[in-house]
């Protein structure tokens, strides 16, 4: 692995999941109306407690931290800016810099200003222009102190949940047309934001965070399983790069990789129904036992190395911007972290350019439709008292960082 001075080690958070009181976005509105199963409420009160949370990160040897800016705080109404909110994020960056922690900023992490949602969100005609206006406003103030930028987080995941399964805002009816329109607009927004950020800072490193499952056929000897796995892999791991243009390297300085699980795909369901994108098989794979997290995601560390190799074909550096497990089994969490860092080390030693590894997440948070039941944190959070307490995996991660990540 690279020396700690060159490699970014840390954790990641997202504004709506940790800040609390993000009452100007579409998630908050639907939470309060009862259309979502959980309310974020105060979340982790990170908007107030960020200094002590960064002390925690520093104590663990982190030299990087990924966080997101809440667009709805910056622009609570269309064209109406909130300078105090932007000053707050400037203070957050300064707090990280004082601790020698490199900020990695995400500009859009699933939530939208309520006013944009009312206009149709990412299906509206002016959504890209609105995003560009927001990015320009933020970059004019913050680009001088931030090198690493992620424009959007997991566009494929956002589109799936918002427009196909419809369990995220806008919680409307399923629409493949809206899904396709939103995906195109998110990719256009990235391209536009890339140019804006480089205009404000020529040496900026700009990418997006890509959800990258490792997709394999259930039966490699079955042509229909192989075709279904290939189709799913294209939909989840390739199409977004196609939509960035003929040469994605023109609008990518790096790719953020969010890796959590392997997907084992068979063409037909247990009921015998065929699907062109297949269905996930949860049984043992060729007699080999498989482990799953409580969220039903397979624990498969070699998949991280596989997706890093797969996405290295785009010819730009990679950064693991999310990787973690929600579990109450602290032995499993610690082993998960060690195994995935080991897989990362193998990829780096094979020559794949990796900038850093950011665990999801620094502390337990509001985990979208799973609420507070899915606990990913290096630190346990008592949501009644807002007390943080480090888990054994945090100490294991600290030791990995101190050793350069070599097991």
Protein backbone atom coordinates (compact mmCIF):
# COMPACT_ATOMS: atom_id res chain seq x y z
CA UNK A 1 0.00 0.00 0.00
CA UNK A 2 1.02 3.62 -0.42
CA UNK A 3 2.53 5.47 2.56
CA UNK A 4 0.01 7.31 4.68
CA UNK A 5 1.29 10.66 3.46
CA UNK A 6 0.30 9.80 -0.11
CA UNK A 7 -2.78 7.67 0.45
CA UNK A 8 -6.10 8.99 1.73
CA UNK A 9 -7.44 7.01 4.69
CA UNK A 10 -10.66 7.99 6.38
CA UNK A 11 -14.42 7.70 6.53
CA UNK A 12 -17.44 9.18 4.79
CA UNK A 13 -20.71 10.84 5.81
CA UNK A 14 -23.61 12.52 4.01
CA UNK A 15 -25.40 15.70 5.06
CA UNK A 16 -28.99 14.50 5.48
CA UNK A 17 -27.85 11.36 7.25
CA UNK A 18 -25.85 13.09 9.97
CA UNK A 19 -26.53 16.84 10.19
CA UNK A 20 -30.09 16.92 11.49
CA UNK A 21 -32.76 19.49 10.75
CA UNK A 22 -32.48 19.47 6.96
CA UNK A 23 -36.03 20.70 6.66
CA UNK A 24 -35.73 22.30 3.21
CA UNK A 25 -35.31 19.13 1.13
CA UNK A 26 -37.60 16.56 -0.42
CA UNK A 27 -36.69 13.80 2.03
CA UNK A 28 -37.67 15.90 5.04
CA UNK A 29 -41.04 16.78 3.53
CA UNK A 30 -41.94 13.16 2.87
CA UNK A 31 -40.58 12.01 6.24
CA UNK A 32 -42.77 14.53 8.04
CA UNK A 33 -45.81 13.59 5.97
CA UNK A 34 -45.43 9.93 6.93
CA UNK A 35 -44.78 8.74 3.38
CA UNK A 36 -41.32 7.44 4.38
CA UNK A 37 -40.90 4.83 7.14
CA UNK A 38 -38.46 6.83 9.30
CA UNK A 39 -37.76 10.44 10.20
CA UNK A 40 -34.24 11.86 10.17
CA UNK A 41 -35.04 14.48 12.82
CA UNK A 42 -31.87 15.50 14.65
CA UNK A 43 -29.92 12.65 13.01
CA UNK A 44 -26.46 12.86 14.65
CA UNK A 45 -26.52 16.65 15.17
CA UNK A 46 -23.28 16.72 13.21
CA UNK A 47 -24.13 20.23 11.99
CA UNK A 48 -23.36 21.34 15.56
CA UNK A 49 -20.98 18.60 16.69
CA UNK A 50 -18.63 18.39 13.70
CA UNK A 51 -15.59 19.60 15.67
CA UNK A 52 -15.78 16.75 18.18
CA UNK A 53 -16.59 14.27 15.41
CA UNK A 54 -13.45 15.36 13.56
CA UNK A 55 -11.47 14.97 16.79
CA UNK A 56 -12.69 11.39 16.75
CA UNK A 57 -11.57 10.92 13.15
CA UNK A 58 -8.17 12.44 13.94
CA UNK A 59 -7.73 10.10 16.91
CA UNK A 60 -8.19 7.18 14.52
CA UNK A 61 -5.39 8.37 12.25
CA UNK A 62 -7.66 9.54 9.44
CA UNK A 63 -6.08 11.96 6.97
CA UNK A 64 -9.18 12.35 4.77
CA UNK A 65 -12.91 12.78 5.29
CA UNK A 66 -15.72 12.72 2.77
CA UNK A 67 -18.83 14.76 3.50
CA UNK A 68 -21.62 16.30 1.46
CA UNK A 69 -22.95 19.81 1.17
CA UNK A 70 -26.71 20.10 1.59
CA UNK A 71 -27.94 21.97 -1.49
CA UNK A 72 -31.23 22.85 0.20
CA UNK A 73 -29.39 24.70 2.98
CA UNK A 74 -27.39 26.70 0.45
CA UNK A 75 -30.39 27.53 -1.75
CA UNK A 76 -33.56 27.06 0.34
CA UNK A 77 -35.63 28.79 -2.32
CA UNK A 78 -34.82 29.13 -6.04
CA UNK A 79 -32.21 31.82 -6.57
CA UNK A 80 -32.20 32.72 -2.86
CA UNK A 81 -28.81 32.04 -1.30
CA UNK A 82 -28.01 31.44 2.35
CA UNK A 83 -24.47 32.80 2.94
CA UNK A 84 -24.51 31.61 6.56
CA UNK A 85 -24.91 28.00 5.41
CA UNK A 86 -22.02 28.37 2.98
CA UNK A 87 -19.93 29.93 5.75
CA UNK A 88 -20.75 26.89 7.88
CA UNK A 89 -19.29 24.53 5.29
CA UNK A 90 -16.27 26.78 5.05
CA UNK A 91 -15.88 26.34 8.81
CA UNK A 92 -16.21 22.56 8.40
CA UNK A 93 -13.40 22.56 5.85
CA UNK A 94 -11.25 24.74 8.08
CA UNK A 95 -11.85 22.35 10.99
CA UNK A 96 -10.65 19.45 8.86
CA UNK A 97 -7.60 21.39 7.67
CA UNK A 98 -6.61 22.24 11.25
CA UNK A 99 -6.47 18.49 11.90
CA UNK A 100 -4.54 17.76 8.67
CA UNK A 101 -7.55 15.93 7.27
CA UNK A 102 -8.14 16.28 3.53
CA UNK A 103 -11.74 17.24 2.66
CA UNK A 104 -13.49 15.27 -0.07
CA UNK A 105 -16.76 17.03 -0.93
CA UNK A 106 -19.89 15.55 -2.46
CA UNK A 107 -22.20 18.12 -4.03
CA UNK A 108 -25.33 15.95 -4.38
CA UNK A 109 -25.99 12.99 -2.10
CA UNK A 110 -29.57 11.91 -2.92
CA UNK A 111 -31.49 14.88 -1.43
CA UNK A 112 -32.95 17.71 -3.49
CA UNK A 113 -34.23 21.14 -2.48
CA UNK A 114 -37.99 20.92 -2.00
CA UNK A 115 -38.51 23.63 -4.63
CA UNK A 116 -36.60 21.56 -7.23
CA UNK A 117 -38.64 18.48 -6.35
CA UNK A 118 -41.83 20.46 -6.90
CA UNK A 119 -40.61 21.25 -10.43
CA UNK A 120 -40.00 17.58 -11.21
CA UNK A 121 -36.55 17.14 -9.68
CA UNK A 122 -34.07 15.48 -12.02
CA UNK A 123 -36.72 15.03 -14.70
CA UNK A 124 -37.35 18.77 -15.03
CA UNK A 125 -36.05 20.83 -17.93
CA UNK A 126 -34.06 23.27 -15.83
CA UNK A 127 -32.55 20.85 -13.28
CA UNK A 128 -29.09 20.88 -14.85
CA UNK A 129 -29.03 24.68 -15.01
CA UNK A 130 -30.15 24.85 -11.39
CA UNK A 131 -27.42 22.44 -10.32
CA UNK A 132 -24.82 24.40 -12.30
CA UNK A 133 -25.88 27.61 -10.56
CA UNK A 134 -25.52 25.94 -7.16
CA UNK A 135 -22.12 24.42 -8.00
CA UNK A 136 -20.81 27.77 -9.24
CA UNK A 137 -21.94 29.51 -6.06
CA UNK A 138 -20.30 26.88 -3.83
CA UNK A 139 -17.10 26.62 -5.85
CA UNK A 140 -16.56 30.38 -5.90
CA UNK A 141 -16.32 30.28 -2.11
CA UNK A 142 -14.79 26.86 -1.38
CA UNK A 143 -12.71 25.70 -4.37
CA UNK A 144 -9.57 27.37 -3.07
CA UNK A 145 -9.54 25.10 -0.02
CA UNK A 146 -10.86 21.88 -1.58
CA UNK A 147 -9.09 19.77 -4.19
CA UNK A 148 -11.26 16.62 -4.29
CA UNK A 149 -14.86 16.91 -5.50
CA UNK A 150 -17.58 14.34 -6.16
CA UNK A 151 -20.39 15.86 -8.19
CA UNK A 152 -23.14 13.29 -7.58
CA UNK A 153 -23.40 10.19 -5.44
CA UNK A 154 -24.49 6.88 -6.96
CA UNK A 155 -26.69 8.08 -9.85
CA UNK A 156 -27.73 4.51 -10.71
CA UNK A 157 -28.88 3.85 -7.13
CA UNK A 158 -30.71 7.16 -6.94
CA UNK A 159 -32.55 6.56 -10.22
CA UNK A 160 -33.50 3.00 -9.26
CA UNK A 161 -35.02 3.97 -5.92
CA UNK A 162 -36.60 7.25 -7.04
CA UNK A 163 -38.16 6.12 -10.33
CA UNK A 164 -38.21 2.32 -10.56
CA UNK A 165 -38.80 0.89 -7.09
CA UNK A 166 -40.18 4.27 -5.96
CA UNK A 167 -39.36 3.85 -2.27
CA UNK A 168 -37.42 7.15 -2.26
CA UNK A 169 -38.68 10.63 -3.10
CA UNK A 170 -40.61 11.49 -5.13
CA UNK A 171 -42.33 8.17 -4.19
CA UNK A 172 -44.45 8.40 -7.31
CA UNK A 173 -45.44 5.78 -9.86
CA UNK A 174 -42.80 3.71 -11.62
CA UNK A 175 -41.60 5.20 -14.88
CA UNK A 176 -38.76 3.96 -17.06
CA UNK A 177 -39.05 7.15 -19.09
CA UNK A 178 -38.51 9.30 -16.02
CA UNK A 179 -35.65 7.02 -14.93
CA UNK A 180 -33.91 7.43 -18.28
CA UNK A 181 -34.46 11.19 -18.28
CA UNK A 182 -33.12 11.55 -14.74
CA UNK A 183 -30.04 9.45 -15.53
CA UNK A 184 -29.24 11.55 -18.57
CA UNK A 185 -29.69 14.75 -16.59
CA UNK A 186 -27.48 13.56 -13.74
CA UNK A 187 -24.73 12.75 -16.24
CA UNK A 188 -25.18 16.13 -17.92
CA UNK A 189 -25.01 17.77 -14.51
CA UNK A 190 -21.70 16.03 -13.82
CA UNK A 191 -20.23 17.21 -17.11
CA UNK A 192 -21.31 20.79 -16.48
CA UNK A 193 -20.08 20.74 -12.87
CA UNK A 194 -16.73 19.35 -14.00
CA UNK A 195 -16.14 22.42 -16.15
CA UNK A 196 -17.29 24.82 -13.43
CA UNK A 197 -15.04 23.31 -10.77
CA UNK A 198 -12.02 23.41 -13.07
CA UNK A 199 -12.76 27.01 -13.92
CA UNK A 200 -12.58 27.88 -10.23
CA UNK A 201 -9.59 25.62 -9.55
CA UNK A 202 -7.44 24.35 -12.40
CA UNK A 203 -5.87 21.49 -10.42
CA UNK A 204 -9.18 20.25 -8.98
CA UNK A 205 -9.75 16.49 -8.91
CA UNK A 206 -13.34 15.96 -9.98
CA UNK A 207 -15.24 12.69 -10.19
CA UNK A 208 -18.50 11.11 -9.10
CA UNK A 209 -19.25 8.30 -6.65
CA UNK A 210 -20.26 5.15 -8.49
CA UNK A 211 -22.08 2.27 -6.82
CA UNK A 212 -20.11 -0.72 -8.09
CA UNK A 213 -21.43 -4.17 -7.21
CA UNK A 214 -19.43 -7.18 -8.38
CA UNK A 215 -21.80 -9.04 -10.70
CA UNK A 216 -21.27 -12.73 -11.59
CA UNK A 217 -23.49 -15.43 -13.10
CA UNK A 218 -24.94 -18.04 -10.77
CA UNK A 219 -23.97 -20.81 -13.19
CA UNK A 220 -21.01 -19.81 -15.39
CA UNK A 221 -21.84 -22.77 -17.63
CA UNK A 222 -25.32 -21.43 -18.36
CA UNK A 223 -25.47 -19.05 -21.31
CA UNK A 224 -28.70 -17.45 -20.05
CA UNK A 225 -27.16 -16.81 -16.61
CA UNK A 226 -24.08 -15.31 -18.25
CA UNK A 227 -26.22 -13.08 -20.47
CA UNK A 228 -28.37 -11.94 -17.54
CA UNK A 229 -25.29 -11.16 -15.45
CA UNK A 230 -23.73 -9.28 -18.35
CA UNK A 231 -26.92 -7.25 -18.88
CA UNK A 232 -27.12 -6.39 -15.17
CA UNK A 233 -23.45 -5.48 -15.04
CA UNK A 234 -23.93 -3.17 -18.02
CA UNK A 235 -26.93 -1.47 -16.39
CA UNK A 236 -25.19 -1.04 -13.03
CA UNK A 237 -21.53 -0.61 -13.95
CA UNK A 238 -21.26 0.63 -17.54
CA UNK A 239 -24.22 2.68 -18.72
CA UNK A 240 -23.42 5.72 -16.59
CA UNK A 241 -19.96 5.97 -18.17
CA UNK A 242 -21.47 5.67 -21.66
CA UNK A 243 -23.72 8.61 -20.85
CA UNK A 244 -20.72 10.74 -19.88
CA UNK A 245 -19.63 10.76 -23.52
CA UNK A 246 -17.39 8.97 -25.98
CA UNK A 247 -14.33 9.61 -23.80
CA UNK A 248 -15.21 9.70 -20.08
CA UNK A 249 -11.63 10.73 -19.25
CA UNK A 250 -12.43 14.20 -20.57
CA UNK A 251 -14.82 14.73 -17.66
CA UNK A 252 -13.29 12.51 -14.97
CA UNK A 253 -10.12 13.10 -12.97
CA UNK A 254 -10.92 10.08 -10.81
CA UNK A 255 -13.79 7.69 -10.11
CA UNK A 256 -15.24 7.21 -6.65
CA UNK A 257 -16.01 3.56 -5.98
CA UNK A 258 -18.76 2.62 -3.50
CA UNK A 259 -18.44 -1.12 -3.03
CA UNK A 260 -20.54 -3.19 -0.65
CA UNK A 261 -21.44 -6.56 -2.12
CA UNK A 262 -21.33 -9.21 -4.80
CA UNK A 263 -24.46 -10.01 -6.79
CA UNK A 264 -24.82 -13.60 -8.01
CA UNK A 265 -27.31 -13.55 -10.90
CA UNK A 266 -29.44 -16.22 -12.47
CA UNK A 267 -31.69 -15.68 -15.46
CA UNK A 268 -34.81 -17.24 -13.95
CA UNK A 269 -36.40 -16.70 -10.58
CA UNK A 270 -37.32 -19.55 -8.25
CA UNK A 271 -40.80 -19.38 -9.77
CA UNK A 272 -39.26 -19.94 -13.21
CA UNK A 273 -39.88 -16.43 -14.48
CA UNK A 274 -37.22 -15.14 -16.88
CA UNK A 275 -35.83 -11.64 -16.58
CA UNK A 276 -33.32 -10.07 -19.01
CA UNK A 277 -31.43 -8.59 -16.03
CA UNK A 278 -31.81 -11.73 -13.96
CA UNK A 279 -32.60 -12.13 -10.28
CA UNK A 280 -30.23 -12.40 -7.35
CA UNK A 281 -29.48 -15.90 -6.14
CA UNK A 282 -29.02 -16.07 -2.35
CA UNK A 283 -28.05 -19.75 -2.14
CA UNK A 284 -24.53 -21.10 -1.77
CA UNK A 285 -22.45 -20.52 -4.87
CA UNK A 286 -21.14 -23.80 -6.33
CA UNK A 287 -21.17 -25.34 -2.89
CA UNK A 288 -19.27 -22.48 -1.31
CA UNK A 289 -21.06 -20.93 1.69
CA UNK A 290 -21.87 -17.26 1.48
CA UNK A 291 -22.19 -14.67 4.25
CA UNK A 292 -24.73 -11.86 4.20
CA UNK A 293 -25.13 -8.71 6.24
CA UNK A 294 -28.48 -8.00 7.95
CA UNK A 295 -29.37 -5.85 4.92
CA UNK A 296 -29.09 -8.95 2.72
CA UNK A 297 -25.85 -7.84 1.05
CA UNK A 298 -23.23 -10.52 0.45
CA UNK A 299 -19.93 -10.06 2.27
CA UNK A 300 -17.37 -10.72 -0.47
CA UNK A 301 -14.07 -8.88 -0.11
CA UNK A 302 -12.48 -10.19 -3.35
CA UNK A 303 -15.23 -8.34 -5.21
CA UNK A 304 -13.65 -5.03 -4.24
CA UNK A 305 -10.45 -5.95 -6.05
CA UNK A 306 -12.51 -7.21 -9.01
CA UNK A 307 -14.44 -3.95 -9.46
CA UNK A 308 -11.25 -1.90 -9.06
CA UNK A 309 -9.69 -3.91 -11.89
CA UNK A 310 -12.86 -3.62 -13.93
CA UNK A 311 -13.14 0.16 -13.60
CA UNK A 312 -9.44 0.82 -14.06
CA UNK A 313 -10.12 0.41 -17.78
CA UNK A 314 -11.29 4.01 -17.90
CA UNK A 315 -7.71 5.14 -17.40
CA UNK A 316 -8.18 7.46 -14.43
CA UNK A 317 -7.30 6.99 -10.73
CA UNK A 318 -9.85 5.40 -8.42
CA UNK A 319 -10.85 6.17 -4.86
CA UNK A 320 -12.87 3.86 -2.60
CA UNK A 321 -15.36 6.45 -1.40
CA UNK A 322 -17.62 4.01 0.48
CA UNK A 323 -17.15 0.49 1.82
CA UNK A 324 -18.69 -0.85 5.01
CA UNK A 325 -21.13 -3.18 6.71
CA UNK A 326 -24.23 -2.70 8.84
CA UNK A 327 -24.09 -5.28 11.60
CA UNK A 328 -24.36 -5.78 15.34
CA UNK A 329 -21.59 -8.40 15.16
CA UNK A 330 -18.42 -6.47 15.93
CA UNK A 331 -16.20 -9.43 15.10
CA UNK A 332 -17.75 -9.50 11.64
CA UNK A 333 -17.32 -5.74 11.20
CA UNK A 334 -13.64 -5.91 12.11
CA UNK A 335 -13.01 -8.88 9.82
CA UNK A 336 -14.95 -7.18 7.01
CA UNK A 337 -12.72 -4.14 7.23
CA UNK A 338 -9.50 -6.14 7.37
CA UNK A 339 -10.48 -8.36 4.45
CA UNK A 340 -11.52 -5.46 2.24
CA UNK A 341 -8.37 -3.48 3.00
CA UNK A 342 -6.38 -6.61 2.15
CA UNK A 343 -8.20 -6.87 -1.20
CA UNK A 344 -7.50 -3.19 -1.78
CA UNK A 345 -3.81 -3.77 -1.03
CA UNK A 346 -3.62 -6.56 -3.59
CA UNK A 347 -5.16 -4.28 -6.22
CA UNK A 348 -2.73 -1.46 -5.47
CA UNK A 349 0.28 -3.78 -5.55
CA UNK A 350 -0.89 -5.07 -8.95
CA UNK A 351 -0.57 -1.54 -10.32
CA UNK A 352 -4.14 -0.22 -10.13
CA UNK A 353 -3.99 3.51 -9.27
CA UNK A 354 -5.99 4.03 -6.07
CA UNK A 355 -6.02 7.38 -4.29
CA UNK A 356 -7.60 6.34 -1.03
CA UNK A 357 -10.03 4.31 1.04
CA UNK A 358 -12.95 5.87 2.94
CA UNK A 359 -14.99 3.61 5.19
CA UNK A 360 -18.77 4.02 5.37
CA UNK A 361 -19.34 5.50 7.82
CA UNK A 362 -17.64 7.45 10.62
CA UNK A 363 -20.62 7.02 12.95
CA UNK A 364 -24.06 5.46 12.97
CA UNK A 365 -26.55 7.65 11.16
CA UNK A 366 -29.97 7.94 9.55
CA UNK A 367 -29.66 5.23 6.90
CA UNK A 368 -32.44 6.32 4.54
CA UNK A 369 -35.39 3.90 4.53
CA UNK A 370 -33.62 1.67 7.09
CA UNK A 371 -33.67 4.55 9.56
CA UNK A 372 -31.42 4.04 12.58
CA UNK A 373 -31.58 0.25 12.46
CA UNK A 374 -28.70 -0.16 9.97
CA UNK A 375 -25.56 0.67 11.94
CA UNK A 376 -22.47 1.06 9.77
CA UNK A 377 -20.44 3.33 12.04
CA UNK A 378 -16.90 3.04 13.28
CA UNK A 379 -18.48 4.80 16.25
CA UNK A 380 -21.71 3.72 17.91
CA UNK A 381 -24.18 6.57 18.38
CA UNK A 382 -26.68 6.69 21.23
CA UNK A 383 -29.36 8.73 19.49
CA UNK A 384 -30.96 9.71 22.80
CA UNK A 385 -27.81 11.34 24.20
CA UNK A 386 -25.81 11.80 20.95
CA UNK A 387 -22.89 10.11 22.69
CA UNK A 388 -20.32 8.53 20.38
CA UNK A 389 -18.34 5.45 21.44
CA UNK A 390 -15.71 3.74 19.32
CA UNK A 391 -16.22 0.18 18.18
CA UNK A 392 -13.46 -2.46 18.00
CA UNK A 393 -13.36 -2.06 14.22
CA UNK A 394 -12.27 1.56 14.70
CA UNK A 395 -9.18 0.40 16.58
CA UNK A 396 -8.49 -2.23 13.92
CA UNK A 397 -8.75 0.44 11.22
CA UNK A 398 -6.40 2.71 13.15
CA UNK A 399 -3.83 -0.09 13.26
CA UNK A 400 -4.23 -0.76 9.53
CA UNK A 401 -3.67 2.91 8.75
CA UNK A 402 -0.61 3.11 11.00
CA UNK A 403 0.91 0.12 9.19
CA UNK A 404 0.13 1.51 5.75
CA UNK A 405 -2.68 -1.00 5.32
CA UNK A 406 -0.40 -4.03 4.88
CA UNK A 407 -1.71 -7.05 6.77
